[in-house]
Protein backbone atom coordinates (compact mmCIF):
# COMPACT_ATOMS: atom_id res chain seq x y z
CA UNK A 1 123.18 116.90 102.70
CA UNK A 2 122.13 116.86 106.39
CA UNK A 3 124.46 115.05 108.78
CA UNK A 4 122.72 111.90 110.08
CA UNK A 5 125.54 110.52 112.23
CA UNK A 6 125.02 110.47 116.00
CA UNK A 7 127.14 109.91 119.08
CA UNK A 8 125.64 107.98 121.97
CA UNK A 9 128.54 108.63 124.28
CA UNK A 10 131.22 106.18 123.15
CA UNK A 11 128.81 104.50 120.74
CA UNK A 12 129.13 106.07 117.28
CA UNK A 13 126.44 105.54 114.63
CA UNK A 14 126.39 106.51 110.95
CA UNK A 15 122.68 107.26 111.27
CA UNK A 16 120.14 107.28 114.14
CA UNK A 17 118.26 104.03 113.33
CA UNK A 18 118.84 100.91 115.44
CA UNK A 19 117.35 97.46 114.97
CA UNK A 20 115.52 96.74 118.23
CA UNK A 21 116.15 93.48 120.09
CA UNK A 22 113.87 90.57 119.25
CA UNK A 23 113.43 91.55 115.58
CA UNK A 24 115.43 89.29 113.20
CA UNK A 25 118.35 89.27 115.64
CA UNK A 26 118.54 85.50 115.99
CA UNK A 27 121.61 84.83 113.84
CA UNK A 28 124.73 86.66 112.68
CA UNK A 29 123.78 86.41 108.97
CA UNK A 30 120.40 88.02 109.67
CA UNK A 31 122.03 90.83 111.64
CA UNK A 32 124.55 91.38 108.87
CA UNK A 33 121.69 91.60 106.39
CA UNK A 34 120.06 94.31 108.51
CA UNK A 35 123.40 96.09 108.86
CA UNK A 36 123.66 96.15 105.08
CA UNK A 37 120.10 97.48 104.77
CA UNK A 38 120.83 100.89 106.24
CA UNK A 39 120.66 100.44 110.03
CA UNK A 40 122.97 102.57 112.14
CA UNK A 41 123.33 99.70 114.62
CA UNK A 42 121.82 96.24 115.17
CA UNK A 43 120.73 94.50 118.35
CA UNK A 44 120.67 90.75 118.93
CA UNK A 45 117.68 88.89 120.26
CA UNK A 46 117.80 88.91 124.04
CA UNK A 47 120.00 86.15 125.47
CA UNK A 48 119.54 84.32 128.77
CA UNK A 49 121.93 82.02 130.63
CA UNK A 50 120.17 78.80 129.67
CA UNK A 51 118.36 77.91 126.47
CA UNK A 52 114.70 78.96 126.51
CA UNK A 53 112.02 77.46 124.28
CA UNK A 54 109.72 80.44 124.87
CA UNK A 55 105.94 80.45 124.80
CA UNK A 56 103.93 78.10 122.60
CA UNK A 57 102.51 79.34 119.29
CA UNK A 58 100.74 81.46 118.32
CA UNK A 59 103.12 84.07 119.72
CA UNK A 60 102.27 87.06 117.48
CA UNK A 61 98.92 88.57 116.47
CA UNK A 62 98.11 91.65 114.42
CA UNK A 63 95.42 94.19 115.29
CA UNK A 64 94.30 97.43 113.65
CA UNK A 65 97.22 99.59 114.83
CA UNK A 66 100.00 97.25 115.85
CA UNK A 67 101.10 93.82 116.98
CA UNK A 68 100.68 91.77 120.12
CA UNK A 69 103.53 89.39 120.94
CA UNK A 70 104.42 86.89 123.62
CA UNK A 71 107.60 85.21 122.41
CA UNK A 72 108.84 84.40 125.90
CA UNK A 73 112.54 85.08 125.27
CA UNK A 74 113.10 82.08 123.03
CA UNK A 75 116.88 81.84 122.58
CA UNK A 76 119.69 79.24 122.53
CA UNK A 77 121.38 80.37 125.75
CA UNK A 78 124.58 82.34 126.26
CA UNK A 79 127.15 79.69 125.31
CA UNK A 80 125.60 79.04 121.89
CA UNK A 81 125.05 82.75 121.43
CA UNK A 82 128.76 83.36 121.94
CA UNK A 83 129.48 80.86 119.17
CA UNK A 84 126.91 82.49 116.90
CA UNK A 85 127.76 86.15 117.32
CA UNK A 86 131.54 86.04 117.78
CA UNK A 87 133.65 87.35 114.92
CA UNK A 88 131.39 90.27 114.02
CA UNK A 89 132.92 91.76 110.89
CA UNK A 90 130.66 94.66 109.93
CA UNK A 91 131.60 98.26 110.72
CA UNK A 92 127.99 98.71 111.87
CA UNK A 93 127.87 98.45 115.70
CA UNK A 94 126.60 95.18 117.19
CA UNK A 95 124.64 95.48 120.44
CA UNK A 96 124.15 92.27 122.42
CA UNK A 97 120.95 92.15 124.46
CA UNK A 98 120.73 90.10 127.67
CA UNK A 99 118.00 89.14 130.13
CA UNK A 100 118.25 87.63 133.58
CA UNK A 101 116.03 86.77 136.53
CA UNK A 102 118.16 88.71 139.02
CA UNK A 103 121.36 90.73 139.40
CA UNK A 104 123.49 87.61 139.74
CA UNK A 105 122.31 86.20 136.40
CA UNK A 106 122.96 89.55 134.72
CA UNK A 107 126.46 89.54 136.24
CA UNK A 108 127.21 86.09 134.77
CA UNK A 109 125.94 87.15 131.36
CA UNK A 110 127.90 90.41 131.39
CA UNK A 111 131.14 88.54 132.06
CA UNK A 112 130.48 86.05 129.27
CA UNK A 113 129.56 88.74 126.74
CA UNK A 114 133.14 89.96 126.93
CA UNK A 115 133.98 86.95 124.73
CA UNK A 116 132.00 88.43 121.82
CA UNK A 117 133.49 91.14 119.65
CA UNK A 118 130.44 93.35 120.14
CA UNK A 119 130.18 97.12 120.41
CA UNK A 120 127.77 97.57 123.31
CA UNK A 121 125.71 95.64 125.85
CA UNK A 122 121.99 96.11 126.43
CA UNK A 123 120.28 94.87 129.58
CA UNK A 124 116.53 94.43 129.27
CA UNK A 125 114.47 95.13 132.41
CA UNK A 126 111.17 95.69 130.69
CA UNK A 127 109.46 92.60 129.22
CA UNK A 128 105.69 92.67 130.02
CA UNK A 129 104.84 89.03 129.23
CA UNK A 130 107.49 86.59 130.52
CA UNK A 131 107.16 85.42 134.15
CA UNK A 132 110.41 85.77 136.10
CA UNK A 133 111.76 88.54 133.85
CA UNK A 134 111.26 92.25 133.30
CA UNK A 135 108.20 93.94 134.71
CA UNK A 136 106.74 90.61 135.90
CA UNK A 137 109.84 90.28 138.11
CA UNK A 138 109.67 93.88 139.35
CA UNK A 139 112.78 94.88 137.38
CA UNK A 140 111.10 98.15 136.38
CA UNK A 141 111.37 99.40 139.97
CA UNK A 142 114.04 102.04 140.67
CA UNK A 143 116.00 100.14 143.34
CA UNK A 144 116.08 96.86 141.41
CA UNK A 145 117.11 98.71 138.24
CA UNK A 146 119.96 100.28 140.21
CA UNK A 147 121.07 96.94 141.67
CA UNK A 148 121.14 95.13 138.32
CA UNK A 149 122.75 98.00 136.42
CA UNK A 150 125.48 98.42 139.05
CA UNK A 151 126.28 94.69 139.01
CA UNK A 152 126.58 94.68 135.22
CA UNK A 153 128.63 97.88 135.19
CA UNK A 154 131.14 96.24 137.55
CA UNK A 155 131.60 93.36 135.12
CA UNK A 156 131.92 94.97 131.71
CA UNK A 157 133.67 97.92 130.15
CA UNK A 158 131.34 97.97 127.13
CA UNK A 159 128.99 100.90 126.60
CA UNK A 160 125.98 99.93 128.71
CA UNK A 161 122.40 100.42 127.54
CA UNK A 162 119.52 99.92 130.00
CA UNK A 163 116.20 99.15 128.32
CA UNK A 164 113.28 100.42 130.40
CA UNK A 165 109.56 99.82 130.32
CA UNK A 166 106.89 102.40 129.48
CA UNK A 167 104.86 100.66 132.19
CA UNK A 168 107.17 101.84 135.00
CA UNK A 169 105.17 103.89 137.54
CA UNK A 170 108.33 105.85 138.43
CA UNK A 171 109.96 106.03 135.02
CA UNK A 172 112.02 109.20 135.47
CA UNK A 173 113.31 108.01 138.84
CA UNK A 174 114.10 104.59 137.38
CA UNK A 175 116.05 106.14 134.51
CA UNK A 176 118.00 108.32 136.95
CA UNK A 177 118.83 105.28 139.08
CA UNK A 178 120.15 103.49 135.99
CA UNK A 179 122.32 106.51 135.20
CA UNK A 180 123.64 106.68 138.77
CA UNK A 181 124.50 102.96 138.64
CA UNK A 182 126.65 103.42 135.54
CA UNK A 183 124.38 103.21 132.50
CA UNK A 184 125.76 105.03 129.45
CA UNK A 185 122.50 105.06 127.49
CA UNK A 186 118.79 104.63 128.26
CA UNK A 187 116.68 102.70 125.76
CA UNK A 188 113.09 103.80 126.16
CA UNK A 189 111.64 101.32 125.69
CA UNK A 190 109.88 98.03 125.18
CA UNK A 191 106.43 96.87 124.17
CA UNK A 192 103.64 98.16 126.42
CA UNK A 193 100.89 96.36 128.21
CA UNK A 194 100.40 93.50 128.44
CA UNK A 195 97.31 93.41 126.27
CA UNK A 196 94.96 90.75 124.96
CA UNK A 197 93.12 89.93 121.74
CA UNK A 198 90.21 87.48 121.85
CA UNK A 199 89.07 85.22 119.03
CA UNK A 200 85.30 85.67 119.42
CA UNK A 201 84.52 82.54 117.38
CA UNK A 202 86.67 80.30 119.60
CA UNK A 203 85.98 82.36 122.71
CA UNK A 204 89.69 82.21 123.58
CA UNK A 205 92.67 84.57 123.52
CA UNK A 206 94.45 84.60 120.15
CA UNK A 207 97.88 84.19 121.74
CA UNK A 208 98.55 80.82 123.33
CA UNK A 209 100.03 82.55 126.40
CA UNK A 210 96.91 84.67 126.68
CA UNK A 211 98.40 88.14 126.77
CA UNK A 212 101.40 89.88 125.24
CA UNK A 213 103.29 93.10 124.68
CA UNK A 214 101.75 95.80 122.49
CA UNK A 215 103.96 97.29 119.77
CA UNK A 216 103.55 99.37 116.64
CA UNK A 217 101.84 102.71 115.91
CA UNK A 218 99.39 102.28 118.79
CA UNK A 219 102.09 102.95 121.38
CA UNK A 220 103.92 105.84 119.68
CA UNK A 221 102.28 108.60 121.79
CA UNK A 222 103.24 106.68 124.94
CA UNK A 223 106.83 106.31 123.75
CA UNK A 224 107.04 110.02 122.91
CA UNK A 225 105.83 111.02 126.36
CA UNK A 226 108.20 108.59 128.10
CA UNK A 227 111.23 109.93 126.20
CA UNK A 228 110.11 113.49 126.93
CA UNK A 229 110.01 112.76 130.67
CA UNK A 230 113.32 110.87 130.79
CA UNK A 231 115.12 113.63 128.87
CA UNK A 232 114.39 116.00 131.74
CA UNK A 233 115.80 113.66 134.38
CA UNK A 234 119.06 112.25 132.94
CA UNK A 235 122.21 113.57 131.27
CA UNK A 236 122.99 110.42 129.25
CA UNK A 237 121.67 109.79 125.70
CA UNK A 238 118.31 108.12 125.03
CA UNK A 239 117.28 105.64 122.35
CA UNK A 240 113.59 106.19 121.59
CA UNK A 241 111.86 102.91 120.80
CA UNK A 242 108.18 102.13 120.33
CA UNK A 243 105.84 102.82 117.43
CA UNK A 244 108.35 104.50 115.11
CA UNK A 245 107.32 103.63 111.55
CA UNK A 246 108.49 106.52 109.32
CA UNK A 247 110.78 109.52 109.20
CA UNK A 248 108.29 111.94 110.76
CA UNK A 249 107.77 109.54 113.67
CA UNK A 250 111.55 109.44 114.14
CA UNK A 251 111.84 113.23 114.09
CA UNK A 252 109.04 113.47 116.64
CA UNK A 253 110.79 111.22 119.13
CA UNK A 254 114.14 112.94 118.48
CA UNK A 255 112.52 116.27 119.32
CA UNK A 256 111.14 114.71 122.51
CA UNK A 257 114.73 113.98 123.57
CA UNK A 258 115.98 110.81 121.90
CA UNK A 259 119.40 110.81 120.21
CA UNK A 260 118.68 107.62 118.24
CA UNK A 261 115.64 105.60 117.25
CA UNK A 262 114.86 101.92 117.85
CA UNK A 263 113.01 100.23 114.97
CA UNK A 264 111.10 96.99 115.52
CA UNK A 265 107.55 96.43 114.34
CA UNK A 266 108.15 98.77 111.37
CA UNK A 267 110.25 95.98 109.82
CA UNK A 268 107.02 93.95 109.65
CA UNK A 269 105.13 96.81 107.99
CA UNK A 270 107.76 98.23 105.63
CA UNK A 271 110.30 95.47 105.03
CA UNK A 272 113.93 94.91 105.85
CA UNK A 273 115.00 98.12 104.10
CA UNK A 274 112.86 100.23 106.46
CA UNK A 275 116.07 101.67 107.94
CA UNK A 276 117.23 103.23 104.67
CA UNK A 277 113.67 104.40 104.00
CA UNK A 278 113.41 106.14 107.37
CA UNK A 279 116.85 107.69 107.00
CA UNK A 280 115.88 109.09 103.60
CA UNK A 281 112.65 110.47 105.04
CA UNK A 282 114.52 112.09 107.92
CA UNK A 283 117.06 113.60 105.52
CA UNK A 284 114.37 114.95 103.17
CA UNK A 285 112.50 116.58 106.07
CA UNK A 286 115.69 118.10 107.46
CA UNK A 287 116.63 119.58 104.07
CA UNK A 288 113.15 121.05 103.66
CA UNK A 289 113.29 122.63 107.13
CA UNK A 290 116.94 123.72 107.03
CA UNK A 291 118.33 121.38 109.69
CA UNK A 292 121.97 120.46 109.20
CA UNK A 293 122.45 117.71 111.82
CA UNK A 294 120.53 115.30 114.03
CA UNK A 295 121.92 117.14 117.06
CA UNK A 296 119.76 120.14 116.14
CA UNK A 297 116.65 117.98 116.47
CA UNK A 298 117.45 116.25 119.77
CA UNK A 299 115.30 117.70 122.55
CA UNK A 300 114.10 120.56 120.33
CA UNK A 301 110.68 120.58 121.97
CA UNK A 302 112.31 121.37 125.32
CA UNK A 303 113.87 124.64 124.12
């Protein structure tokens, strides 16, 4: 049988699939359910300092090749999140995702996360649809990425994942700045856009907020190219996220340079056991093509 385990620096995974933040990561029982469904690691919904109610409904809309979402970082705030996610008992790694408006907020969150028995910390600098956060706050710029990453690195010893946006105009430089500031892993990336869908009968946008992030198969070619570019500019591992729906998609982004694969919208299309399905598809393809380990696939297109 091919070896599916991967090492993301200090973060060890039994297989390369990771539940992306924002997908069923609202409670510990839900994350445990995902962990028991074949995921190599699970990521919480992104947590802010204060409780956020998020955008008004509708917050998700389907189109022909993906989803549009504008959730607006709905979450209970860091103190309630600590109560919820503390005492993680699964052997599957738990990644806690955080969002802040500036480096100081990220610093506060990083310190508080040390109270949770989690495996790694992810900082999200890439949301395309929430004012004051992510790309709408300029956090996809190299210097701001460096500032936030450095501040977090100074306040946690956990493996640090920096989640970047495919919309960054200087993506390779931004990834390098994150690495220089102390990131252990780059997560490329988040939903793209923002985009809009219009209800032509009502003559209004479908989403209440108006626009939202684009996810699903539509953005896979963008994700592949982004991982390909980042792989050439950093030495640290990459999680490839965006549009990965099946085993062949996963192999494609691994060959572009990812060492693990973030799974989000595919849960909507293929169910909660999508992780075990994708792992089986990866394994079957590797056996057919005489690959013995995931390491042999990582960055193969660059050889």
